[in-house]
Every structure is written in C-alpha cells, then in structure tokens.
Amino acid sequence: MERKKRFSCCPTCLRGSRQAGYCAMLVIEYPLCRQRSDSRLERPLRITAISLVLLLIAVLALSLTAGGDAPTPSYRYLVVIDPGHGGKDPGAIGIGGLEEKTITLPIAKMVYLKSLNDPLLRVVLTRRDDEYSSPTDRILAANDFGADLYVSIHANAFKTSDVSGVETLVGESQSEGSKSYRLAEMLQQHVVFATGAVDRGTKWAPLFIRRATMPAALVETGFVTNPREARLLQSTSYQSTIADAILAAIREFLNI
C-alpha cells in the first residue's frame, strides 16, 4: 500500500460526560518516547490522572448550574474530529518541508466552526493547537466520551511526487466495521466530488481507529509529496472545501 509510516506515540485527551451535559477538553503532556509504550502500569496511571481532573471539572460544572442540576444537552449527535499528528509528531513531510500536522488542524477547526450552525451536532476536536498525543489515547478518550462518530483527518505521502488523490481508511476488525466502512465511503465520495481529486477508494488497514466503539474512519485528504496537492492543501479555500465535504458526509451518515 502506498502509505507512509505513522508514529503511534504522540498528548491530548478529551473526556467528559454527555449525561452530565458538558464537554471538556483536557490537555495533559507526558514524557512519551517515539516508540509506543503500552505497559500495563503506564496507561492506568495516565487514565487515573485524567479521571481525577475530570472529576474536579464535573463538580465545578454542576456547581455552576441552578440548584446543582445538570443542564440537558441540546445536541443529538456527538462527533469527534481528530486532526492527525501534532506537536513532536509532524506526520508526513512533503514538498518544501510541508508538515502534515499543519494541514490537518485547520481543516478540523473549519469542520468545527461550520458545525456550529447545526443544533443537532456537537463537534469536539482531539486537539486545538500544535499538541502531541497518542492516536490510541485519542480513540480511547472518544470511547469514554460516548461519541457517536469519529473522523480522523490526515494527509498522505509517497516516495515519488507523481502519486496523488484522496483515500479513506477503515480499521481492520473494528467493532462497528460495516458502519465504519459506510461512513468511509460517504467521506470518500464527498471529498472526491468536492475537490475533483483522484479517487483512490476506500480501504481496510491495520489502524489505531480499529479500537473505536463507534463508527470511525480516517480520511487522507491528499498527498503532501505531490506538488499540486501540496499547494492546494495549504490553501484556505481548498481546506474549507474539504471541511464542507467532511461535514456533508457526516450529516448524510447521521441522516440529518
């Protein structure tokens, strides 16, 4: 498969309680190395630290409501948008030193901003800045958060500059595999139609999103190693077009 090697070690977790009616963005940095560490000791300590902070956030949130009653969420669907890579993990390196992480974040932010007009959607980002966090931790946080959908935004790379196009990936052995594949197909169709990019199809791959408990897909928005696509991916208007397409696919999948 014409794919770059991805680092699986990178620091932000979002956790919260839909039942309590609030959403929390939490950033905790850990001295993680480039090689992924999944020791049975390390992860419980990480999760415990996050849980303690969230407990304080929950108490504060409830104390600010009249009579301590939790507000009722007005949205129907919670969608997690994951801007791939960040911080120490630049992702793919393309033309002129273009870093993948600088492409994924603005697109994700645009999806978030465009979603604000839809009262049925609540979009949450796994990172809002140039932060570093483990892809697996992002997925596990989305699982804990009770998300309805997970879309990870990436950009592709290849050893030669002639390869271009959009492809959308689904994690092998996902618990919501059939729904995830349908989501991936919708993302692929909308992004390809909106951008006119080469259609590289929808594929299964051994990705971190396979651990998602909700429908999840990873969209590769173009190749940073292709001169034309590298230029387009840095364009605000092109990023906005991709964001519109991603949001349209999400709405189609959720039937809203």
Protein backbone atom coordinates (compact mmCIF):
# COMPACT_ATOMS: atom_id res chain seq x y z
CA MET A 1 0.00 0.00 0.00
CA GLU A 2 1.30 3.41 -0.91
CA ARG A 3 1.42 4.69 2.62
CA LYS A 4 3.83 6.45 4.90
CA LYS A 5 4.89 5.08 8.24
CA ARG A 6 2.92 6.67 11.07
CA PHE A 7 4.27 7.29 14.54
CA SER A 8 1.94 5.86 17.15
CA CYS A 9 3.34 7.82 20.04
CA CYS A 10 2.19 11.27 20.47
CA PRO A 11 -0.59 14.13 24.34
CA THR A 12 -4.18 15.43 24.47
CA CYS A 13 -7.16 13.58 25.71
CA LEU A 14 -10.72 14.67 25.65
CA ARG A 15 -13.02 13.17 28.18
CA GLY A 16 -16.28 14.16 29.73
CA SER A 17 -19.83 13.18 30.38
CA ARG A 18 -22.66 13.55 27.92
CA GLN A 19 -25.01 12.50 30.70
CA ALA A 20 -23.82 15.42 32.82
CA GLY A 21 -24.39 17.70 29.87
CA TYR A 22 -20.96 19.21 29.49
CA CYS A 23 -17.94 18.68 27.29
CA ALA A 24 -14.37 19.06 28.50
CA MET A 25 -11.19 19.47 26.52
CA LEU A 26 -8.21 18.36 28.57
CA VAL A 27 -4.56 18.56 27.63
CA ILE A 28 -2.02 16.60 29.67
CA GLU A 29 1.51 16.13 28.43
CA TYR A 30 3.59 13.08 29.25
CA PRO A 31 7.26 12.32 28.57
CA LEU A 32 6.41 9.81 25.87
CA CYS A 33 9.07 8.47 23.54
CA ARG A 34 8.87 7.92 19.80
CA GLN A 35 8.32 4.24 20.34
CA ARG A 36 4.90 3.47 21.69
CA SER A 37 4.73 2.24 25.27
CA ASP A 38 1.64 0.31 26.29
CA SER A 39 2.80 -1.04 29.63
CA ARG A 40 0.05 -2.12 31.99
CA LEU A 41 1.40 0.29 34.60
CA GLU A 42 1.75 3.39 32.43
CA ARG A 43 -1.77 3.53 30.97
CA PRO A 44 -3.71 3.13 34.26
CA LEU A 45 -1.66 5.96 35.77
CA ARG A 46 -2.42 8.15 32.76
CA ILE A 47 -6.13 7.36 32.84
CA THR A 48 -6.30 7.87 36.62
CA ALA A 49 -4.72 11.33 36.36
CA ILE A 50 -7.16 12.34 33.65
CA SER A 51 -10.13 10.95 35.56
CA LEU A 52 -9.23 12.90 38.70
CA VAL A 53 -9.05 16.17 36.80
CA LEU A 54 -12.33 15.43 35.07
CA LEU A 55 -13.99 14.75 38.41
CA LEU A 56 -13.00 18.26 39.51
CA ILE A 57 -14.33 19.68 36.24
CA ALA A 58 -17.61 17.82 36.72
CA VAL A 59 -18.04 19.14 40.27
CA LEU A 60 -17.33 22.68 39.09
CA ALA A 61 -19.73 22.36 36.15
CA LEU A 62 -22.54 21.11 38.37
CA SER A 63 -21.92 23.80 40.98
CA LEU A 64 -22.45 26.48 38.34
CA THR A 65 -25.95 25.26 37.42
CA ALA A 66 -29.05 26.41 39.28
CA GLY A 67 -29.66 24.15 42.25
CA GLY A 68 -26.85 21.88 41.12
CA ASP A 69 -28.99 20.37 38.36
CA ALA A 70 -27.06 19.30 35.26
CA PRO A 71 -28.08 21.03 32.02
CA THR A 72 -29.70 18.90 29.35
CA PRO A 73 -27.62 18.57 26.16
CA SER A 74 -29.33 20.28 23.23
CA TYR A 75 -27.49 18.28 20.57
CA ARG A 76 -28.43 14.83 19.31
CA TYR A 77 -25.09 13.58 17.98
CA LEU A 78 -21.59 13.94 19.37
CA VAL A 79 -18.89 13.81 16.69
CA VAL A 80 -15.18 13.67 17.43
CA ILE A 81 -12.91 15.19 14.78
CA ASP A 82 -9.27 14.20 15.08
CA PRO A 83 -6.65 16.43 13.40
CA GLY A 84 -3.91 13.87 12.80
CA HIS A 85 -0.47 14.18 14.43
CA GLY A 86 0.68 17.35 16.21
CA GLY A 87 3.47 18.60 18.46
CA LYS A 88 6.57 16.40 18.25
CA ASP A 89 4.88 14.25 15.61
CA PRO A 90 4.77 16.25 12.36
CA GLY A 91 3.29 13.39 10.35
CA ALA A 92 4.31 13.14 6.72
CA ILE A 93 6.88 15.62 5.39
CA GLY A 94 6.17 16.88 1.90
CA ILE A 95 7.20 19.45 -0.68
CA GLY A 96 9.35 22.22 0.79
CA GLY A 97 9.22 20.66 4.25
CA LEU A 98 5.43 20.86 4.44
CA GLU A 99 4.29 19.05 7.59
CA GLU A 100 1.10 17.03 7.63
CA LYS A 101 0.11 18.33 11.07
CA THR A 102 -0.15 21.88 9.69
CA ILE A 103 -2.75 20.70 7.16
CA THR A 104 -4.95 18.58 9.39
CA LEU A 105 -5.54 21.11 12.18
CA PRO A 106 -7.02 23.99 10.12
CA ILE A 107 -9.32 21.59 8.26
CA ALA A 108 -10.55 20.15 11.57
CA LYS A 109 -11.12 23.62 13.01
CA MET A 110 -13.16 24.54 9.94
CA VAL A 111 -15.32 21.45 10.38
CA TYR A 112 -15.92 22.52 13.97
CA LEU A 113 -16.79 26.12 13.06
CA LYS A 114 -19.09 25.09 10.22
CA SER A 115 -20.89 22.65 12.53
CA LEU A 116 -21.90 25.39 14.97
CA ASN A 117 -24.90 26.26 12.79
CA ASP A 118 -26.33 22.76 13.22
CA PRO A 119 -28.17 22.40 16.56
CA LEU A 120 -28.23 18.61 16.24
CA LEU A 121 -24.43 18.30 16.13
CA ARG A 122 -21.82 18.77 18.81
CA VAL A 123 -18.32 18.56 17.33
CA VAL A 124 -15.33 18.11 19.61
CA LEU A 125 -11.68 18.23 18.49
CA THR A 126 -9.00 15.95 19.90
CA ARG A 127 -6.60 18.89 19.73
CA ARG A 128 -6.98 22.62 19.13
CA ASP A 129 -3.31 23.55 18.96
CA ASP A 130 0.02 22.07 17.93
CA GLU A 131 -0.19 19.41 20.63
CA TYR A 132 1.22 15.92 20.84
CA SER A 133 -0.88 12.91 21.87
CA SER A 134 -1.16 9.21 21.23
CA PRO A 135 -3.65 8.26 18.49
CA THR A 136 -4.77 5.34 20.64
CA ASP A 137 -5.38 7.60 23.63
CA ARG A 138 -7.49 9.86 21.43
CA ILE A 139 -9.64 6.91 20.40
CA LEU A 140 -9.98 5.63 23.97
CA ALA A 141 -10.97 9.11 25.11
CA ALA A 142 -13.65 9.28 22.40
CA ASN A 143 -14.92 5.88 23.55
CA ASP A 144 -15.14 7.11 27.15
CA PHE A 145 -16.79 10.31 25.97
CA GLY A 146 -19.61 8.30 24.38
CA ALA A 147 -19.09 9.76 20.91
CA ASP A 148 -21.41 8.77 18.09
CA LEU A 149 -18.85 9.21 15.32
CA TYR A 150 -15.07 9.56 14.91
CA VAL A 151 -13.37 11.09 11.88
CA SER A 152 -9.58 11.34 11.75
CA ILE A 153 -8.17 13.84 9.24
CA HIS A 154 -4.79 13.16 7.64
CA ALA A 155 -2.68 13.90 4.57
CA ASN A 156 -0.79 11.26 2.63
CA ALA A 157 2.76 10.89 1.28
CA PHE A 158 4.70 8.69 -1.13
CA LYS A 159 8.29 8.25 -2.26
CA THR A 160 7.58 9.74 -5.70
CA SER A 161 5.84 13.03 -6.37
CA ASP A 162 3.53 11.80 -9.13
CA VAL A 163 1.13 9.98 -6.77
CA SER A 164 -1.94 11.99 -5.79
CA GLY A 165 -5.53 11.65 -4.69
CA VAL A 166 -7.87 11.06 -1.79
CA GLU A 167 -8.44 7.79 0.04
CA THR A 168 -10.39 6.89 3.14
CA LEU A 169 -9.41 4.10 5.50
CA VAL A 170 -11.24 1.85 7.93
CA GLY A 171 -9.54 -0.05 10.74
CA GLU A 172 -9.44 -3.81 10.35
CA SER A 173 -11.51 -5.76 12.90
CA GLN A 174 -13.42 -2.70 14.09
CA SER A 175 -16.41 -3.44 16.30
CA GLU A 176 -18.52 -1.17 14.08
CA GLY A 177 -16.83 -2.34 10.88
CA SER A 178 -19.77 -2.26 8.47
CA LYS A 179 -20.98 1.13 9.69
CA SER A 180 -17.43 2.46 9.63
CA TYR A 181 -17.00 1.33 6.04
CA ARG A 182 -20.25 3.05 5.07
CA LEU A 183 -19.03 6.24 6.78
CA ALA A 184 -15.70 5.94 4.94
CA GLU A 185 -17.47 5.55 1.60
CA MET A 186 -19.50 8.69 2.23
CA LEU A 187 -16.43 10.66 3.25
CA GLN A 188 -14.58 9.44 0.17
CA GLN A 189 -17.42 10.31 -2.21
CA HIS A 190 -18.00 13.77 -0.78
CA VAL A 191 -14.33 14.80 -0.61
CA VAL A 192 -13.54 13.47 -4.10
CA PHE A 193 -16.61 15.14 -5.61
CA ALA A 194 -15.91 18.46 -3.89
CA THR A 195 -12.20 18.63 -4.73
CA GLY A 196 -12.03 16.80 -8.06
CA ALA A 197 -9.09 14.81 -6.71
CA VAL A 198 -8.13 11.34 -7.91
CA ASP A 199 -10.36 8.74 -6.27
CA ARG A 200 -8.08 6.21 -4.56
CA GLY A 201 -11.00 4.44 -2.96
CA THR A 202 -12.00 3.16 0.44
CA LYS A 203 -9.71 0.59 2.06
CA TRP A 204 -9.26 -1.54 5.15
CA ALA A 205 -6.00 -1.03 7.07
CA PRO A 206 -4.49 -2.01 10.45
CA LEU A 207 -5.07 1.40 12.03
CA PHE A 208 -5.50 2.75 15.56
CA ILE A 209 -9.16 3.53 14.83
CA ARG A 210 -9.93 -0.19 14.95
CA ARG A 211 -10.24 0.30 18.72
CA ALA A 212 -13.17 2.68 18.31
CA THR A 213 -16.50 1.59 19.74
CA MET A 214 -18.36 3.91 17.39
CA PRO A 215 -18.26 4.19 13.56
CA ALA A 216 -14.84 5.62 12.72
CA ALA A 217 -12.86 6.41 9.58
CA LEU A 218 -9.61 8.09 8.57
CA VAL A 219 -9.62 10.36 5.51
CA GLU A 220 -6.39 11.07 3.64
CA THR A 221 -7.10 14.46 2.08
CA GLY A 222 -4.25 14.46 -0.44
CA PHE A 223 -0.51 13.96 -0.88
CA VAL A 224 1.90 16.48 0.62
CA THR A 225 4.56 14.95 -1.63
CA ASN A 226 2.64 15.90 -4.79
CA PRO A 227 3.44 19.48 -5.91
CA ARG A 228 -0.11 20.35 -6.96
CA GLU A 229 -1.84 18.83 -3.95
CA ALA A 230 0.75 20.22 -1.54
CA ARG A 231 -0.04 23.69 -2.86
CA LEU A 232 -3.80 23.12 -2.68
CA LEU A 233 -3.73 21.65 0.81
CA GLN A 234 -2.14 24.87 2.09
CA SER A 235 -4.91 26.95 0.53
CA THR A 236 -7.58 28.21 2.93
CA SER A 237 -10.27 27.89 0.28
CA TYR A 238 -9.30 24.29 -0.51
CA GLN A 239 -9.21 23.43 3.19
CA SER A 240 -12.68 24.94 3.52
CA THR A 241 -13.91 22.83 0.60
CA ILE A 242 -12.62 19.68 2.28
CA ALA A 243 -14.21 20.70 5.59
CA ASP A 244 -17.56 21.25 3.87
CA ALA A 245 -17.30 17.82 2.27
CA ILE A 246 -16.44 16.10 5.55
CA LEU A 247 -19.35 17.77 7.31
CA ALA A 248 -21.71 16.87 4.46
CA ALA A 249 -20.65 13.23 4.72
CA ILE A 250 -21.21 13.26 8.48
CA ARG A 251 -24.69 14.72 8.04
CA GLU A 252 -25.55 12.19 5.37
CA PHE A 253 -24.35 9.32 7.55
CA LEU A 254 -26.38 10.56 10.53
CA ASN A 255 -29.34 11.33 8.28
CA ILE A 256 -29.71 14.92 9.45
